[in-house]
Amino acid sequence: NAKKMVYLQMNGLKPEDTAVYYCNARLSGQDMG
């Protein structure tokens, strides 16, 4: 929160993990960005 960062550590990757990955923010259940 101090850096305003979100991370996704992905280990043991598989070919089926291939994709475009998107970050999403929600506030009180509402999509914000």
PDB file of all heavy atoms in Angstrom:
ATOM      1  N   ASN A   1       0.811  -1.212   0.000  1.00  0.00           N
ATOM      2  CA  ASN A   1       0.000   0.000   0.000  1.00  0.00           C
ATOM      3  C   ASN A   1       0.851   1.271   0.000  1.00  0.00           C
ATOM      4  O   ASN A   1       0.453   2.286  -0.569  1.00  0.00           O
ATOM      5  CB  ASN A   1      -0.948  -0.005   1.191  1.00  0.00           C
ATOM      6  CG  ASN A   1      -2.086  -0.995   1.028  1.00  0.00           C
ATOM      7  OD1 ASN A   1      -2.383  -1.443  -0.086  1.00  0.00           O
ATOM      8  ND2 ASN A   1      -2.731  -1.350   2.129  1.00  0.00           N
ATOM      9  N   ALA A   2       2.008   1.226   0.641  1.00  0.00           N
ATOM     10  CA  ALA A   2       2.878   2.394   0.666  1.00  0.00           C
ATOM     11  C   ALA A   2       3.373   2.737  -0.727  1.00  0.00           C
ATOM     12  O   ALA A   2       3.514   3.910  -1.080  1.00  0.00           O
ATOM     13  CB  ALA A   2       4.049   2.169   1.611  1.00  0.00           C
ATOM     14  N   LYS A   3       3.646   1.715  -1.538  1.00  0.00           N
ATOM     15  CA  LYS A   3       4.119   1.921  -2.906  1.00  0.00           C
ATOM     16  C   LYS A   3       2.995   1.937  -3.923  1.00  0.00           C
ATOM     17  O   LYS A   3       3.243   2.203  -5.108  1.00  0.00           O
ATOM     18  CB  LYS A   3       5.126   0.839  -3.279  1.00  0.00           C
ATOM     19  CG  LYS A   3       6.399   0.860  -2.459  1.00  0.00           C
ATOM     20  CD  LYS A   3       7.346  -0.235  -2.911  1.00  0.00           C
ATOM     21  CE  LYS A   3       8.638  -0.206  -2.132  1.00  0.00           C
ATOM     22  NZ  LYS A   3       9.564  -1.281  -2.558  1.00  0.00           N
ATOM     23  N   LYS A   4       1.770   1.643  -3.489  1.00  0.00           N
ATOM     24  CA  LYS A   4       0.606   1.563  -4.374  1.00  0.00           C
ATOM     25  C   LYS A   4       0.873   0.580  -5.509  1.00  0.00           C
ATOM     26  O   LYS A   4       0.689   0.870  -6.693  1.00  0.00           O
ATOM     27  CB  LYS A   4       0.233   2.950  -4.904  1.00  0.00           C
ATOM     28  CG  LYS A   4      -0.069   3.937  -3.793  1.00  0.00           C
ATOM     29  CD  LYS A   4      -0.331   5.345  -4.293  1.00  0.00           C
ATOM     30  CE  LYS A   4      -1.644   5.471  -4.996  1.00  0.00           C
ATOM     31  NZ  LYS A   4      -1.957   6.894  -5.324  1.00  0.00           N
ATOM     32  N   MET A   5       1.308  -0.620  -5.120  1.00  0.00           N
ATOM     33  CA  MET A   5       1.667  -1.655  -6.071  1.00  0.00           C
ATOM     34  C   MET A   5       0.941  -2.956  -5.749  1.00  0.00           C
ATOM     35  O   MET A   5       0.686  -3.267  -4.576  1.00  0.00           O
ATOM     36  CB  MET A   5       3.170  -1.916  -6.050  1.00  0.00           C
ATOM     37  CG  MET A   5       4.027  -0.739  -6.489  1.00  0.00           C
ATOM     38  SD  MET A   5       3.987  -0.510  -8.288  1.00  0.00           S
ATOM     39  CE  MET A   5       4.928  -1.941  -8.815  1.00  0.00           C
ATOM     40  N   VAL A   6       0.621  -3.708  -6.788  1.00  0.00           N
ATOM     41  CA  VAL A   6       0.089  -5.054  -6.678  1.00  0.00           C
ATOM     42  C   VAL A   6       0.996  -5.976  -7.469  1.00  0.00           C
ATOM     43  O   VAL A   6       1.460  -5.612  -8.556  1.00  0.00           O
ATOM     44  CB  VAL A   6      -1.352  -5.152  -7.208  1.00  0.00           C
ATOM     45  CG1 VAL A   6      -1.888  -6.567  -7.045  1.00  0.00           C
ATOM     46  CG2 VAL A   6      -2.248  -4.160  -6.493  1.00  0.00           C
ATOM     47  N   TYR A   7       1.230  -7.171  -6.938  1.00  0.00           N
ATOM     48  CA  TYR A   7       2.129  -8.120  -7.576  1.00  0.00           C
ATOM     49  C   TYR A   7       1.438  -9.461  -7.777  1.00  0.00           C
ATOM     50  O   TYR A   7       0.520  -9.827  -7.052  1.00  0.00           O
ATOM     51  CB  TYR A   7       3.385  -8.337  -6.731  1.00  0.00           C
ATOM     52  CG  TYR A   7       4.096  -7.069  -6.360  1.00  0.00           C
ATOM     53  CD1 TYR A   7       3.900  -6.477  -5.120  1.00  0.00           C
ATOM     54  CD2 TYR A   7       4.970  -6.457  -7.255  1.00  0.00           C
ATOM     55  CE1 TYR A   7       4.555  -5.306  -4.774  1.00  0.00           C
ATOM     56  CE2 TYR A   7       5.622  -5.289  -6.921  1.00  0.00           C
ATOM     57  CZ  TYR A   7       5.416  -4.715  -5.680  1.00  0.00           C
ATOM     58  OH  TYR A   7       6.068  -3.551  -5.347  1.00  0.00           O
ATOM     59  N   LEU A   8       1.909 -10.192  -8.765  1.00  0.00           N
ATOM     60  CA  LEU A   8       1.496 -11.569  -8.963  1.00  0.00           C
ATOM     61  C   LEU A   8       2.746 -12.398  -9.204  1.00  0.00           C
ATOM     62  O   LEU A   8       3.353 -12.318 -10.279  1.00  0.00           O
ATOM     63  CB  LEU A   8       0.528 -11.709 -10.135  1.00  0.00           C
ATOM     64  CG  LEU A   8      -0.067 -13.107 -10.326  1.00  0.00           C
ATOM     65  CD1 LEU A   8      -0.995 -13.457  -9.160  1.00  0.00           C
ATOM     66  CD2 LEU A   8      -0.813 -13.211 -11.644  1.00  0.00           C
ATOM     67  N   GLN A   9       3.143 -13.159  -8.195  1.00  0.00           N
ATOM     68  CA  GLN A   9       4.273 -14.064  -8.323  1.00  0.00           C
ATOM     69  C   GLN A   9       3.764 -15.368  -8.903  1.00  0.00           C
ATOM     70  O   GLN A   9       2.895 -16.013  -8.322  1.00  0.00           O
ATOM     71  CB  GLN A   9       4.929 -14.304  -6.967  1.00  0.00           C
ATOM     72  CG  GLN A   9       6.102 -15.276  -7.000  1.00  0.00           C
ATOM     73  CD  GLN A   9       7.272 -14.748  -7.789  1.00  0.00           C
ATOM     74  OE1 GLN A   9       7.668 -13.599  -7.615  1.00  0.00           O
ATOM     75  NE2 GLN A   9       7.832 -15.570  -8.660  1.00  0.00           N
ATOM     76  N   MET A  10       4.305 -15.763 -10.040  1.00  0.00           N
ATOM     77  CA  MET A  10       3.856 -16.949 -10.752  1.00  0.00           C
ATOM     78  C   MET A  10       4.998 -17.950 -10.799  1.00  0.00           C
ATOM     79  O   MET A  10       6.031 -17.692 -11.412  1.00  0.00           O
ATOM     80  CB  MET A  10       3.393 -16.593 -12.163  1.00  0.00           C
ATOM     81  CG  MET A  10       2.320 -15.515 -12.202  1.00  0.00           C
ATOM     82  SD  MET A  10       1.690 -15.206 -13.875  1.00  0.00           S
ATOM     83  CE  MET A  10       3.179 -14.583 -14.656  1.00  0.00           C
ATOM     84  N   ASN A  11       4.801 -19.090 -10.153  1.00  0.00           N
ATOM     85  CA  ASN A  11       5.780 -20.161 -10.132  1.00  0.00           C
ATOM     86  C   ASN A  11       5.205 -21.400 -10.800  1.00  0.00           C
ATOM     87  O   ASN A  11       3.995 -21.551 -10.922  1.00  0.00           O
ATOM     88  CB  ASN A  11       6.187 -20.492  -8.696  1.00  0.00           C
ATOM     89  CG  ASN A  11       6.806 -19.328  -7.968  1.00  0.00           C
ATOM     90  OD1 ASN A  11       7.517 -18.515  -8.564  1.00  0.00           O
ATOM     91  ND2 ASN A  11       6.554 -19.229  -6.670  1.00  0.00           N
ATOM     92  N   GLY A  12       6.088 -22.296 -11.195  1.00  0.00           N
ATOM     93  CA  GLY A  12       5.644 -23.528 -11.830  1.00  0.00           C
ATOM     94  C   GLY A  12       4.764 -23.286 -13.040  1.00  0.00           C
ATOM     95  O   GLY A  12       3.741 -23.954 -13.215  1.00  0.00           O
ATOM     96  N   LEU A  13       5.164 -22.348 -13.874  1.00  0.00           N
ATOM     97  CA  LEU A  13       4.333 -21.951 -15.008  1.00  0.00           C
ATOM     98  C   LEU A  13       4.141 -23.086 -15.998  1.00  0.00           C
ATOM     99  O   LEU A  13       5.054 -23.881 -16.241  1.00  0.00           O
ATOM    100  CB  LEU A  13       4.932 -20.735 -15.693  1.00  0.00           C
ATOM    101  CG  LEU A  13       4.718 -19.424 -14.935  1.00  0.00           C
ATOM    102  CD1 LEU A  13       5.670 -18.348 -15.431  1.00  0.00           C
ATOM    103  CD2 LEU A  13       3.272 -18.969 -15.088  1.00  0.00           C
ATOM    104  N   LYS A  14       2.947 -23.130 -16.558  1.00  0.00           N
ATOM    105  CA  LYS A  14       2.557 -24.148 -17.520  1.00  0.00           C
ATOM    106  C   LYS A  14       2.173 -23.482 -18.835  1.00  0.00           C
ATOM    107  O   LYS A  14       1.788 -22.314 -18.847  1.00  0.00           O
ATOM    108  CB  LYS A  14       1.362 -24.953 -16.995  1.00  0.00           C
ATOM    109  CG  LYS A  14       1.572 -25.587 -15.633  1.00  0.00           C
ATOM    110  CD  LYS A  14       0.294 -26.241 -15.136  1.00  0.00           C
ATOM    111  CE  LYS A  14       0.486 -26.862 -13.775  1.00  0.00           C
ATOM    112  NZ  LYS A  14      -0.774 -27.488 -13.283  1.00  0.00           N
ATOM    113  N   PRO A  15       2.251 -24.208 -19.949  1.00  0.00           N
ATOM    114  CA  PRO A  15       1.837 -23.614 -21.225  1.00  0.00           C
ATOM    115  C   PRO A  15       0.423 -23.050 -21.189  1.00  0.00           C
ATOM    116  O   PRO A  15       0.155 -22.028 -21.835  1.00  0.00           O
ATOM    117  CB  PRO A  15       1.950 -24.788 -22.207  1.00  0.00           C
ATOM    118  CG  PRO A  15       3.042 -25.627 -21.633  1.00  0.00           C
ATOM    119  CD  PRO A  15       2.852 -25.541 -20.139  1.00  0.00           C
ATOM    120  N   GLU A  16      -0.479 -23.673 -20.436  1.00  0.00           N
ATOM    121  CA  GLU A  16      -1.841 -23.188 -20.352  1.00  0.00           C
ATOM    122  C   GLU A  16      -1.974 -21.881 -19.584  1.00  0.00           C
ATOM    123  O   GLU A  16      -3.053 -21.284 -19.550  1.00  0.00           O
ATOM    124  CB  GLU A  16      -2.770 -24.247 -19.743  1.00  0.00           C
ATOM    125  CG  GLU A  16      -2.257 -24.830 -18.442  1.00  0.00           C
ATOM    126  CD  GLU A  16      -1.542 -26.159 -18.628  1.00  0.00           C
ATOM    127  OE1 GLU A  16      -0.704 -26.253 -19.564  1.00  0.00           O
ATOM    128  OE2 GLU A  16      -1.814 -27.101 -17.860  1.00  0.00           O
ATOM    129  N   ASP A  17      -0.896 -21.420 -18.951  1.00  0.00           N
ATOM    130  CA  ASP A  17      -0.892 -20.112 -18.314  1.00  0.00           C
ATOM    131  C   ASP A  17      -0.650 -18.987 -19.308  1.00  0.00           C
ATOM    132  O   ASP A  17      -0.756 -17.810 -18.941  1.00  0.00           O
ATOM    133  CB  ASP A  17       0.176 -20.041 -17.222  1.00  0.00           C
ATOM    134  CG  ASP A  17      -0.105 -20.978 -16.064  1.00  0.00           C
ATOM    135  OD1 ASP A  17      -1.277 -21.085 -15.651  1.00  0.00           O
ATOM    136  OD2 ASP A  17       0.858 -21.596 -15.565  1.00  0.00           O
ATOM    137  N   THR A  18      -0.302 -19.327 -20.537  1.00  0.00           N
ATOM    138  CA  THR A  18      -0.051 -18.319 -21.558  1.00  0.00           C
ATOM    139  C   THR A  18      -1.297 -17.469 -21.773  1.00  0.00           C
ATOM    140  O   THR A  18      -2.376 -17.987 -22.063  1.00  0.00           O
ATOM    141  CB  THR A  18       0.374 -18.977 -22.874  1.00  0.00           C
ATOM    142  OG1 THR A  18       1.628 -19.646 -22.689  1.00  0.00           O
ATOM    143  CG2 THR A  18       0.527 -17.941 -23.973  1.00  0.00           C
ATOM    144  N   ALA A  19      -1.148 -16.163 -21.626  1.00  0.00           N
ATOM    145  CA  ALA A  19      -2.277 -15.245 -21.741  1.00  0.00           C
ATOM    146  C   ALA A  19      -1.776 -13.821 -21.576  1.00  0.00           C
ATOM    147  O   ALA A  19      -0.631 -13.587 -21.177  1.00  0.00           O
ATOM    148  CB  ALA A  19      -3.339 -15.543 -20.678  1.00  0.00           C
ATOM    149  N   VAL A  20      -2.659 -12.879 -21.865  1.00  0.00           N
ATOM    150  CA  VAL A  20      -2.435 -11.497 -21.476  1.00  0.00           C
ATOM    151  C   VAL A  20      -3.019 -11.324 -20.082  1.00  0.00           C
ATOM    152  O   VAL A  20      -4.183 -11.654 -19.844  1.00  0.00           O
ATOM    153  CB  VAL A  20      -3.082 -10.504 -22.455  1.00  0.00           C
ATOM    154  CG1 VAL A  20      -2.875  -9.069 -21.981  1.00  0.00           C
ATOM    155  CG2 VAL A  20      -2.503 -10.686 -23.851  1.00  0.00           C
ATOM    156  N   TYR A  21      -2.214 -10.814 -19.171  1.00  0.00           N
ATOM    157  CA  TYR A  21      -2.628 -10.647 -17.781  1.00  0.00           C
ATOM    158  C   TYR A  21      -2.965  -9.189 -17.514  1.00  0.00           C
ATOM    159  O   TYR A  21      -2.196  -8.288 -17.865  1.00  0.00           O
ATOM    160  CB  TYR A  21      -1.529 -11.125 -16.836  1.00  0.00           C
ATOM    161  CG  TYR A  21      -1.444 -12.629 -16.745  1.00  0.00           C
ATOM    162  CD1 TYR A  21      -0.964 -13.378 -17.816  1.00  0.00           C
ATOM    163  CD2 TYR A  21      -1.873 -13.306 -15.605  1.00  0.00           C
ATOM    164  CE1 TYR A  21      -0.912 -14.761 -17.751  1.00  0.00           C
ATOM    165  CE2 TYR A  21      -1.817 -14.688 -15.523  1.00  0.00           C
ATOM    166  CZ  TYR A  21      -1.338 -15.406 -16.606  1.00  0.00           C
ATOM    167  OH  TYR A  21      -1.281 -16.783 -16.528  1.00  0.00           O
ATOM    168  N   TYR A  22      -4.114  -8.968 -16.853  1.00  0.00           N
ATOM    169  CA  TYR A  22      -4.630  -7.630 -16.604  1.00  0.00           C
ATOM    170  C   TYR A  22      -4.802  -7.373 -15.114  1.00  0.00           C
ATOM    171  O   TYR A  22      -5.281  -8.234 -14.377  1.00  0.00           O
ATOM    172  CB  TYR A  22      -5.992  -7.437 -17.274  1.00  0.00           C
ATOM    173  CG  TYR A  22      -5.985  -7.565 -18.775  1.00  0.00           C
ATOM    174  CD1 TYR A  22      -6.207  -8.788 -19.387  1.00  0.00           C
ATOM    175  CD2 TYR A  22      -5.766  -6.451 -19.580  1.00  0.00           C
ATOM    176  CE1 TYR A  22      -6.209  -8.906 -20.763  1.00  0.00           C
ATOM    177  CE2 TYR A  22      -5.773  -6.561 -20.957  1.00  0.00           C
ATOM    178  CZ  TYR A  22      -5.994  -7.792 -21.544  1.00  0.00           C
ATOM    179  OH  TYR A  22      -6.000  -7.906 -22.908  1.00  0.00           O
ATOM    180  N   CYS A  23      -4.459  -6.184 -14.696  1.00  0.00           N
ATOM    181  CA  CYS A  23      -4.686  -5.716 -13.337  1.00  0.00           C
ATOM    182  C   CYS A  23      -6.023  -4.987 -13.280  1.00  0.00           C
ATOM    183  O   CYS A  23      -6.369  -4.234 -14.198  1.00  0.00           O
ATOM    184  CB  CYS A  23      -3.550  -4.781 -12.925  1.00  0.00           C
ATOM    185  SG  CYS A  23      -3.612  -4.177 -11.237  1.00  0.00           S
ATOM    186  N   ASN A  24      -6.784  -5.208 -12.210  1.00  0.00           N
ATOM    187  CA  ASN A  24      -8.116  -4.635 -12.066  1.00  0.00           C
ATOM    188  C   ASN A  24      -8.320  -4.101 -10.658  1.00  0.00           C
ATOM    189  O   ASN A  24      -7.886  -4.726  -9.687  1.00  0.00           O
ATOM    190  CB  ASN A  24      -9.173  -5.701 -12.390  1.00  0.00           C
ATOM    191  CG  ASN A  24     -10.561  -5.323 -11.928  1.00  0.00           C
ATOM    192  OD1 ASN A  24     -11.058  -5.861 -10.932  1.00  0.00           O
ATOM    193  ND2 ASN A  24     -11.197  -4.416 -12.638  1.00  0.00           N
ATOM    194  N   ALA A  25      -8.986  -2.957 -10.551  1.00  0.00           N
ATOM    195  CA  ALA A  25      -9.298  -2.344  -9.265  1.00  0.00           C
ATOM    196  C   ALA A  25     -10.804  -2.291  -9.059  1.00  0.00           C
ATOM    197  O   ALA A  25     -11.556  -1.962  -9.983  1.00  0.00           O
ATOM    198  CB  ALA A  25      -8.715  -0.934  -9.184  1.00  0.00           C
ATOM    199  N   ARG A  26     -11.241  -2.601  -7.838  1.00  0.00           N
ATOM    200  CA  ARG A  26     -12.655  -2.554  -7.492  1.00  0.00           C
ATOM    201  C   ARG A  26     -12.831  -1.834  -6.164  1.00  0.00           C
ATOM    202  O   ARG A  26     -11.991  -1.937  -5.269  1.00  0.00           O
ATOM    203  CB  ARG A  26     -13.248  -3.964  -7.410  1.00  0.00           C
ATOM    204  CG  ARG A  26     -13.189  -4.736  -8.717  1.00  0.00           C
ATOM    205  CD  ARG A  26     -13.888  -6.088  -8.593  1.00  0.00           C
ATOM    206  NE  ARG A  26     -15.332  -5.949  -8.486  1.00  0.00           N
ATOM    207  CZ  ARG A  26     -16.164  -5.815  -9.516  1.00  0.00           C
ATOM    208  NH1 ARG A  26     -15.685  -5.803 -10.744  1.00  0.00           N
ATOM    209  NH2 ARG A  26     -17.464  -5.708  -9.309  1.00  0.00           N
ATOM    210  N   LEU A  27     -13.943  -1.113  -6.056  1.00  0.00           N
ATOM    211  CA  LEU A  27     -14.283  -0.389  -4.843  1.00  0.00           C
ATOM    212  C   LEU A  27     -15.747  -0.650  -4.524  1.00  0.00           C
ATOM    213  O   LEU A  27     -16.625  -0.335  -5.320  1.00  0.00           O
ATOM    214  CB  LEU A  27     -14.029   1.108  -5.012  1.00  0.00           C
ATOM    215  CG  LEU A  27     -14.313   1.986  -3.796  1.00  0.00           C
ATOM    216  CD1 LEU A  27     -13.390   1.622  -2.644  1.00  0.00           C
ATOM    217  CD2 LEU A  27     -14.165   3.455  -4.159  1.00  0.00           C
ATOM    218  N   SER A  28     -15.993  -1.242  -3.369  1.00  0.00           N
ATOM    219  CA  SER A  28     -17.357  -1.584  -2.947  1.00  0.00           C
ATOM    220  C   SER A  28     -18.088  -2.383  -4.016  1.00  0.00           C
ATOM    221  O   SER A  28     -19.267  -2.151  -4.290  1.00  0.00           O
ATOM    222  CB  SER A  28     -18.130  -0.313  -2.593  1.00  0.00           C
ATOM    223  OG  SER A  28     -17.524   0.369  -1.524  1.00  0.00           O
ATOM    224  N   GLY A  29     -17.382  -3.326  -4.640  1.00  0.00           N
ATOM    225  CA  GLY A  29     -17.971  -4.184  -5.641  1.00  0.00           C
ATOM    226  C   GLY A  29     -18.090  -3.578  -7.024  1.00  0.00           C
ATOM    227  O   GLY A  29     -18.548  -4.258  -7.949  1.00  0.00           O
ATOM    228  N   GLN A  30     -17.685  -2.340  -7.192  1.00  0.00           N
ATOM    229  CA  GLN A  30     -17.789  -1.649  -8.470  1.00  0.00           C
ATOM    230  C   GLN A  30     -16.454  -1.647  -9.200  1.00  0.00           C
ATOM    231  O   GLN A  30     -15.427  -1.312  -8.612  1.00  0.00           O
ATOM    232  CB  GLN A  30     -18.264  -0.213  -8.247  1.00  0.00           C
ATOM    233  CG  GLN A  30     -18.427   0.601  -9.516  1.00  0.00           C
ATOM    234  CD  GLN A  30     -18.899   2.010  -9.237  1.00  0.00           C
ATOM    235  OE1 GLN A  30     -19.258   2.347  -8.114  1.00  0.00           O
ATOM    236  NE2 GLN A  30     -18.903   2.848 -10.259  1.00  0.00           N
ATOM    237  N   ASP A  31     -16.482  -2.013 -10.469  1.00  0.00           N
ATOM    238  CA  ASP A  31     -15.284  -1.971 -11.293  1.00  0.00           C
ATOM    239  C   ASP A  31     -14.824  -0.533 -11.471  1.00  0.00           C
ATOM    240  O   ASP A  31     -15.606   0.329 -11.879  1.00  0.00           O
ATOM    241  CB  ASP A  31     -15.556  -2.609 -12.649  1.00  0.00           C
ATOM    242  CG  ASP A  31     -14.381  -2.487 -13.590  1.00  0.00           C
ATOM    243  OD1 ASP A  31     -13.237  -2.713 -13.149  1.00  0.00           O
ATOM    244  OD2 ASP A  31     -14.595  -2.167 -14.782  1.00  0.00           O
ATOM    245  N   MET A  32     -13.545  -0.284 -11.176  1.00  0.00           N
ATOM    246  CA  MET A  32     -13.035   1.074 -11.227  1.00  0.00           C
ATOM    247  C   MET A  32     -11.945   1.293 -12.265  1.00  0.00           C
ATOM    248  O   MET A  32     -11.617   2.439 -12.581  1.00  0.00           O
ATOM    249  CB  MET A  32     -12.515   1.494  -9.850  1.00  0.00           C
ATOM    250  CG  MET A  32     -13.569   1.490  -8.756  1.00  0.00           C
ATOM    251  SD  MET A  32     -14.941   2.630  -9.091  1.00  0.00           S
ATOM    252  CE  MET A  32     -14.097   4.205  -8.980  1.00  0.00           C
ATOM    253  N   GLY A  33     -11.360   0.228 -12.786  1.00  0.00           N
ATOM    254  CA  GLY A  33     -10.332   0.426 -13.787  1.00  0.00           C
ATOM    255  C   GLY A  33      -9.558  -0.832 -14.112  1.00  0.00           C
ATOM    256  O   GLY A  33      -9.561  -1.800 -13.350  1.00  0.00           O
TER     257      GLY A  33
END
